PDB file of all heavy atoms in Angstrom:
ATOM      1  N   ILE A   1      -1.552   4.348   5.526  1.00  0.00           N
ATOM      2  CA  ILE A   1      -1.883   2.932   5.418  1.00  0.00           C
ATOM      3  C   ILE A   1      -1.893   2.342   6.774  1.00  0.00           C
ATOM      4  O   ILE A   1      -0.800   2.163   7.395  1.00  0.00           O
ATOM      5  CB  ILE A   1      -0.906   2.223   4.487  1.00  0.00           C
ATOM      6  CG1 ILE A   1      -0.739   2.881   3.108  1.00  0.00           C
ATOM      7  CG2 ILE A   1      -1.316   0.794   4.303  1.00  0.00           C
ATOM      8  CD1 ILE A   1       0.230   2.295   2.176  1.00  0.00           C
ATOM      9  N   GLY A   2      -3.017   1.960   7.296  1.00  0.00           N
ATOM     10  CA  GLY A   2      -3.141   1.453   8.671  1.00  0.00           C
ATOM     11  C   GLY A   2      -3.164   2.598   9.605  1.00  0.00           C
ATOM     12  O   GLY A   2      -2.437   3.608   9.414  1.00  0.00           O
ATOM     13  N   ASP A   3      -3.893   2.421  10.768  1.00  0.00           N
ATOM     14  CA  ASP A   3      -3.779   3.485  11.763  1.00  0.00           C
ATOM     15  C   ASP A   3      -3.068   2.931  12.940  1.00  0.00           C
ATOM     16  O   ASP A   3      -2.695   1.742  13.028  1.00  0.00           O
ATOM     17  CB  ASP A   3      -5.265   3.877  12.175  1.00  0.00           C
ATOM     18  CG  ASP A   3      -6.117   2.755  12.554  1.00  0.00           C
ATOM     19  OD1 ASP A   3      -5.605   1.928  13.369  1.00  0.00           O
ATOM     20  OD2 ASP A   3      -7.316   2.703  12.177  1.00  0.00           O
ATOM     21  N   THR A   4      -2.927   3.789  13.939  1.00  0.00           N
ATOM     22  CA  THR A   4      -2.031   3.420  15.092  1.00  0.00           C
ATOM     23  C   THR A   4      -2.750   2.345  15.943  1.00  0.00           C
ATOM     24  O   THR A   4      -2.039   1.664  16.750  1.00  0.00           O
ATOM     25  CB  THR A   4      -1.735   4.693  15.968  1.00  0.00           C
ATOM     26  OG1 THR A   4      -3.010   5.285  16.306  1.00  0.00           O
ATOM     27  CG2 THR A   4      -0.860   5.631  15.150  1.00  0.00           C
ATOM     28  N   LYS A   5      -3.956   2.235  15.825  1.00  0.00           N
ATOM     29  CA  LYS A   5      -4.706   1.159  16.702  1.00  0.00           C
ATOM     30  C   LYS A   5      -4.784  -0.161  16.071  1.00  0.00           C
ATOM     31  O   LYS A   5      -4.466  -1.276  16.638  1.00  0.00           O
ATOM     32  CB  LYS A   5      -6.144   1.692  17.041  1.00  0.00           C
ATOM     33  CG  LYS A   5      -6.149   2.833  17.943  1.00  0.00           C
ATOM     34  CD  LYS A   5      -7.591   3.238  18.322  1.00  0.00           C
ATOM     35  CE  LYS A   5      -7.624   4.437  19.296  1.00  0.00           C
ATOM     36  NZ  LYS A   5      -8.980   4.812  19.643  1.00  0.00           N
ATOM     37  N   ILE A   6      -5.226  -0.196  14.738  1.00  0.00           N
ATOM     38  CA  ILE A   6      -5.386  -1.468  14.066  1.00  0.00           C
ATOM     39  C   ILE A   6      -4.129  -1.772  13.241  1.00  0.00           C
ATOM     40  O   ILE A   6      -3.637  -2.930  13.261  1.00  0.00           O
ATOM     41  CB  ILE A   6      -6.575  -1.401  13.121  1.00  0.00           C
ATOM     42  CG1 ILE A   6      -7.920  -1.085  13.981  1.00  0.00           C
ATOM     43  CG2 ILE A   6      -6.814  -2.748  12.456  1.00  0.00           C
ATOM     44  CD1 ILE A   6      -9.128  -0.936  13.224  1.00  0.00           C
ATOM     45  N   GLY A   7      -3.634  -0.910  12.476  1.00  0.00           N
ATOM     46  CA  GLY A   7      -2.459  -1.134  11.609  1.00  0.00           C
ATOM     47  C   GLY A   7      -2.772  -1.942  10.399  1.00  0.00           C
ATOM     48  O   GLY A   7      -3.900  -2.397  10.228  1.00  0.00           O
ATOM     49  N   ALA A   8      -1.758  -2.103   9.609  1.00  0.00           N
ATOM     50  CA  ALA A   8      -1.832  -2.896   8.301  1.00  0.00           C
ATOM     51  C   ALA A   8      -0.795  -3.881   8.390  1.00  0.00           C
ATOM     52  O   ALA A   8       0.278  -3.730   8.975  1.00  0.00           O
ATOM     53  CB  ALA A   8      -1.719  -1.952   7.146  1.00  0.00           C
ATOM     54  N   SER A   9      -1.046  -5.088   7.789  1.00  0.00           N
ATOM     55  CA  SER A   9      -0.021  -6.183   7.738  1.00  0.00           C
ATOM     56  C   SER A   9       1.113  -5.669   6.701  1.00  0.00           C
ATOM     57  O   SER A   9       0.916  -4.816   5.949  1.00  0.00           O
ATOM     58  CB  SER A   9      -0.585  -7.430   7.275  1.00  0.00           C
ATOM     59  OG  SER A   9      -1.080  -7.471   5.958  1.00  0.00           O
ATOM     60  N   PHE A  10       2.191  -6.435   6.837  1.00  0.00           N
ATOM     61  CA  PHE A  10       3.337  -6.143   5.881  1.00  0.00           C
ATOM     62  C   PHE A  10       2.844  -6.399   4.441  1.00  0.00           C
ATOM     63  O   PHE A  10       3.199  -5.676   3.517  1.00  0.00           O
ATOM     64  CB  PHE A  10       4.468  -7.088   6.206  1.00  0.00           C
ATOM     65  CG  PHE A  10       5.666  -6.844   5.330  1.00  0.00           C
ATOM     66  CD1 PHE A  10       6.442  -5.685   5.440  1.00  0.00           C
ATOM     67  CD2 PHE A  10       6.060  -7.882   4.396  1.00  0.00           C
ATOM     68  CE1 PHE A  10       7.578  -5.523   4.582  1.00  0.00           C
ATOM     69  CE2 PHE A  10       7.168  -7.658   3.622  1.00  0.00           C
ATOM     70  CZ  PHE A  10       7.987  -6.440   3.719  1.00  0.00           C
ATOM     71  N   VAL A  11       1.968  -7.356   4.225  1.00  0.00           N
ATOM     72  CA  VAL A  11       1.456  -7.680   2.839  1.00  0.00           C
ATOM     73  C   VAL A  11       0.566  -6.516   2.401  1.00  0.00           C
ATOM     74  O   VAL A  11       0.571  -6.171   1.262  1.00  0.00           O
ATOM     75  CB  VAL A  11       0.654  -9.007   2.885  1.00  0.00           C
ATOM     76  CG1 VAL A  11       0.158  -9.369   1.442  1.00  0.00           C
ATOM     77  CG2 VAL A  11       1.538 -10.128   3.377  1.00  0.00           C
ATOM     78  N   ASP A  12      -0.288  -5.912   3.315  1.00  0.00           N
ATOM     79  CA  ASP A  12      -0.998  -4.793   2.984  1.00  0.00           C
ATOM     80  C   ASP A  12      -0.199  -3.625   2.512  1.00  0.00           C
ATOM     81  O   ASP A  12      -0.514  -3.006   1.519  1.00  0.00           O
ATOM     82  CB  ASP A  12      -1.877  -4.299   4.201  1.00  0.00           C
ATOM     83  CG  ASP A  12      -2.966  -5.299   4.514  1.00  0.00           C
ATOM     84  OD1 ASP A  12      -3.451  -5.971   3.656  1.00  0.00           O
ATOM     85  OD2 ASP A  12      -3.368  -5.318   5.724  1.00  0.00           O
ATOM     86  N   LEU A  13       0.891  -3.391   3.132  1.00  0.00           N
ATOM     87  CA  LEU A  13       1.868  -2.318   2.682  1.00  0.00           C
ATOM     88  C   LEU A  13       2.426  -2.611   1.320  1.00  0.00           C
ATOM     89  O   LEU A  13       2.451  -1.658   0.485  1.00  0.00           O
ATOM     90  CB  LEU A  13       3.050  -2.205   3.717  1.00  0.00           C
ATOM     91  CG  LEU A  13       2.690  -1.800   5.158  1.00  0.00           C
ATOM     92  CD1 LEU A  13       4.062  -1.595   5.971  1.00  0.00           C
ATOM     93  CD2 LEU A  13       1.898  -0.510   5.239  1.00  0.00           C
ATOM     94  N   MET A  14       2.802  -3.836   1.131  1.00  0.00           N
ATOM     95  CA  MET A  14       3.294  -4.296  -0.220  1.00  0.00           C
ATOM     96  C   MET A  14       2.215  -4.110  -1.287  1.00  0.00           C
ATOM     97  O   MET A  14       2.480  -3.455  -2.402  1.00  0.00           O
ATOM     98  CB  MET A  14       3.725  -5.691  -0.185  1.00  0.00           C
ATOM     99  CG  MET A  14       4.955  -5.968   0.625  1.00  0.00           C
ATOM    100  SD  MET A  14       6.495  -5.443  -0.281  1.00  0.00           S
ATOM    101  CE  MET A  14       6.505  -6.599  -1.670  1.00  0.00           C
ATOM    102  N   GLU A  15       1.020  -4.490  -0.991  1.00  0.00           N
ATOM    103  CA  GLU A  15      -0.028  -4.466  -1.940  1.00  0.00           C
ATOM    104  C   GLU A  15      -0.292  -3.028  -2.363  1.00  0.00           C
ATOM    105  O   GLU A  15      -0.429  -2.711  -3.643  1.00  0.00           O
ATOM    106  CB  GLU A  15      -1.294  -5.156  -1.472  1.00  0.00           C
ATOM    107  CG  GLU A  15      -2.437  -5.233  -2.399  1.00  0.00           C
ATOM    108  CD  GLU A  15      -3.709  -5.948  -1.825  1.00  0.00           C
ATOM    109  OE1 GLU A  15      -3.618  -6.174  -0.621  1.00  0.00           O
ATOM    110  OE2 GLU A  15      -4.573  -6.170  -2.581  1.00  0.00           O
ATOM    111  N   LYS A  16      -0.456  -2.157  -1.338  1.00  0.00           N
ATOM    112  CA  LYS A  16      -0.926  -0.772  -1.681  1.00  0.00           C
ATOM    113  C   LYS A  16       0.232   0.064  -2.266  1.00  0.00           C
ATOM    114  O   LYS A  16       0.006   0.883  -3.142  1.00  0.00           O
ATOM    115  CB  LYS A  16      -1.405  -0.084  -0.344  1.00  0.00           C
ATOM    116  CG  LYS A  16      -2.717  -0.630   0.098  1.00  0.00           C
ATOM    117  CD  LYS A  16      -3.280   0.050   1.449  1.00  0.00           C
ATOM    118  CE  LYS A  16      -4.675  -0.339   1.706  1.00  0.00           C
ATOM    119  NZ  LYS A  16      -4.814  -1.748   1.961  1.00  0.00           N
ATOM    120  N   SER A  17       1.449  -0.250  -1.852  1.00  0.00           N
ATOM    121  CA  SER A  17       2.600   0.448  -2.400  1.00  0.00           C
ATOM    122  C   SER A  17       2.830   0.090  -3.883  1.00  0.00           C
ATOM    123  O   SER A  17       3.033   0.998  -4.685  1.00  0.00           O
ATOM    124  CB  SER A  17       3.957   0.062  -1.672  1.00  0.00           C
ATOM    125  OG  SER A  17       3.831   0.524  -0.312  1.00  0.00           O
ATOM    126  N   PHE A  18       2.738  -1.228  -4.235  1.00  0.00           N
ATOM    127  CA  PHE A  18       2.834  -1.621  -5.590  1.00  0.00           C
ATOM    128  C   PHE A  18       1.746  -1.029  -6.419  1.00  0.00           C
ATOM    129  O   PHE A  18       1.984  -0.642  -7.591  1.00  0.00           O
ATOM    130  CB  PHE A  18       2.880  -3.110  -5.668  1.00  0.00           C
ATOM    131  CG  PHE A  18       4.242  -3.756  -5.936  1.00  0.00           C
ATOM    132  CD1 PHE A  18       5.108  -3.870  -4.898  1.00  0.00           C
ATOM    133  CD2 PHE A  18       4.612  -4.213  -7.162  1.00  0.00           C
ATOM    134  CE1 PHE A  18       6.400  -4.325  -5.073  1.00  0.00           C
ATOM    135  CE2 PHE A  18       5.913  -4.725  -7.389  1.00  0.00           C
ATOM    136  CZ  PHE A  18       6.784  -4.786  -6.281  1.00  0.00           C
ATOM    137  N   LYS A  19       0.564  -1.001  -5.927  1.00  0.00           N
ATOM    138  CA  LYS A  19      -0.589  -0.480  -6.727  1.00  0.00           C
ATOM    139  C   LYS A  19      -0.296   0.971  -7.029  1.00  0.00           C
ATOM    140  O   LYS A  19      -0.577   1.378  -8.187  1.00  0.00           O
ATOM    141  CB  LYS A  19      -1.929  -0.567  -5.887  1.00  0.00           C
ATOM    142  CG  LYS A  19      -3.096  -0.136  -6.684  1.00  0.00           C
ATOM    143  CD  LYS A  19      -4.402  -0.291  -5.897  1.00  0.00           C
ATOM    144  CE  LYS A  19      -5.596   0.221  -6.649  1.00  0.00           C
ATOM    145  NZ  LYS A  19      -6.901  -0.001  -5.883  1.00  0.00           N
ATOM    146  N   GLU A  20       0.183   1.776  -6.153  1.00  0.00           N
ATOM    147  CA  GLU A  20       0.411   3.177  -6.335  1.00  0.00           C
ATOM    148  C   GLU A  20       1.490   3.344  -7.374  1.00  0.00           C
ATOM    149  O   GLU A  20       1.414   4.255  -8.232  1.00  0.00           O
ATOM    150  CB  GLU A  20       0.785   3.928  -5.000  1.00  0.00           C
ATOM    151  CG  GLU A  20       0.771   5.420  -5.101  1.00  0.00           C
ATOM    152  CD  GLU A  20      -0.613   5.924  -5.402  1.00  0.00           C
ATOM    153  OE1 GLU A  20      -1.641   5.372  -4.961  1.00  0.00           O
ATOM    154  OE2 GLU A  20      -0.714   6.972  -6.105  1.00  0.00           O
ATOM    155  N   ILE A  21       2.536   2.555  -7.261  1.00  0.00           N
ATOM    156  CA  ILE A  21       3.651   2.625  -8.226  1.00  0.00           C
ATOM    157  C   ILE A  21       3.199   2.230  -9.672  1.00  0.00           C
ATOM    158  O   ILE A  21       3.551   2.954 -10.597  1.00  0.00           O
ATOM    159  CB  ILE A  21       4.810   1.705  -7.832  1.00  0.00           C
ATOM    160  CG1 ILE A  21       5.500   2.219  -6.513  1.00  0.00           C
ATOM    161  CG2 ILE A  21       5.804   1.486  -8.880  1.00  0.00           C
ATOM    162  CD1 ILE A  21       6.529   1.307  -5.859  1.00  0.00           C
ATOM    163  N   ILE A  22       2.411   1.230  -9.748  1.00  0.00           N
ATOM    164  CA  ILE A  22       1.895   0.789 -11.062  1.00  0.00           C
ATOM    165  C   ILE A  22       0.987   1.878 -11.689  1.00  0.00           C
ATOM    166  O   ILE A  22       1.097   2.153 -12.843  1.00  0.00           O
ATOM    167  CB  ILE A  22       1.132  -0.551 -10.920  1.00  0.00           C
ATOM    168  CG1 ILE A  22       2.081  -1.718 -10.606  1.00  0.00           C
ATOM    169  CG2 ILE A  22       0.303  -0.871 -12.133  1.00  0.00           C
ATOM    170  CD1 ILE A  22       1.447  -2.999 -10.296  1.00  0.00           C
ATOM    171  N   VAL A  23       0.122   2.447 -10.855  1.00  0.00           N
ATOM    172  CA  VAL A  23      -0.787   3.545 -11.383  1.00  0.00           C
ATOM    173  C   VAL A  23       0.044   4.693 -11.917  1.00  0.00           C
ATOM    174  O   VAL A  23      -0.212   5.193 -13.049  1.00  0.00           O
ATOM    175  CB  VAL A  23      -1.775   4.011 -10.275  1.00  0.00           C
ATOM    176  CG1 VAL A  23      -2.488   5.239 -10.654  1.00  0.00           C
ATOM    177  CG2 VAL A  23      -2.796   2.930 -10.001  1.00  0.00           C
ATOM    178  N   SER A  24       1.095   5.092 -11.114  1.00  0.00           N
ATOM    179  CA  SER A  24       1.911   6.257 -11.587  1.00  0.00           C
ATOM    180  C   SER A  24       2.672   5.912 -12.796  1.00  0.00           C
ATOM    181  O   SER A  24       2.778   6.763 -13.713  1.00  0.00           O
ATOM    182  CB  SER A  24       2.846   6.611 -10.438  1.00  0.00           C
ATOM    183  OG  SER A  24       2.048   7.187  -9.295  1.00  0.00           O
ATOM    184  N   CYS A  25       3.265   4.690 -12.875  1.00  0.00           N
ATOM    185  CA  CYS A  25       4.084   4.311 -14.009  1.00  0.00           C
ATOM    186  C   CYS A  25       3.248   4.257 -15.267  1.00  0.00           C
ATOM    187  O   CYS A  25       3.582   4.764 -16.362  1.00  0.00           O
ATOM    188  CB  CYS A  25       4.689   2.928 -13.780  1.00  0.00           C
ATOM    189  SG  CYS A  25       6.173   3.067 -12.608  1.00  0.00           S
ATOM    190  N   GLU A  26       2.074   3.565 -15.236  1.00  0.00           N
ATOM    191  CA  GLU A  26       1.187   3.500 -16.352  1.00  0.00           C
ATOM    192  C   GLU A  26       0.787   4.907 -16.845  1.00  0.00           C
ATOM    193  O   GLU A  26       0.702   5.056 -18.091  1.00  0.00           O
ATOM    194  CB  GLU A  26      -0.049   2.705 -15.924  1.00  0.00           C
ATOM    195  CG  GLU A  26      -0.951   2.430 -17.196  1.00  0.00           C
ATOM    196  CD  GLU A  26      -2.107   1.452 -16.818  1.00  0.00           C
ATOM    197  OE1 GLU A  26      -2.596   1.503 -15.685  1.00  0.00           O
ATOM    198  OE2 GLU A  26      -2.461   0.648 -17.674  1.00  0.00           O
ATOM    199  N   LYS A  27       0.449   5.771 -15.956  1.00  0.00           N
ATOM    200  CA  LYS A  27       0.037   7.151 -16.234  1.00  0.00           C
ATOM    201  C   LYS A  27       1.213   7.829 -17.075  1.00  0.00           C
ATOM    202  O   LYS A  27       0.894   8.458 -18.190  1.00  0.00           O
ATOM    203  CB  LYS A  27      -0.267   7.953 -15.105  1.00  0.00           C
ATOM    204  CG  LYS A  27      -0.583   9.401 -15.303  1.00  0.00           C
ATOM    205  CD  LYS A  27      -0.790  10.106 -13.949  1.00  0.00           C
ATOM    206  CE  LYS A  27      -1.110  11.606 -14.219  1.00  0.00           C
ATOM    207  NZ  LYS A  27      -1.277  12.342 -12.980  1.00  0.00           N
TER     208      LYS A  27
END
């Protein structure tokens, strides 16, 4: 999530992490 040059915001990390957790839980 994010690369060493551009990176991702803290909110981006939260959004993508929650999405992955939700997908796995629902499955």
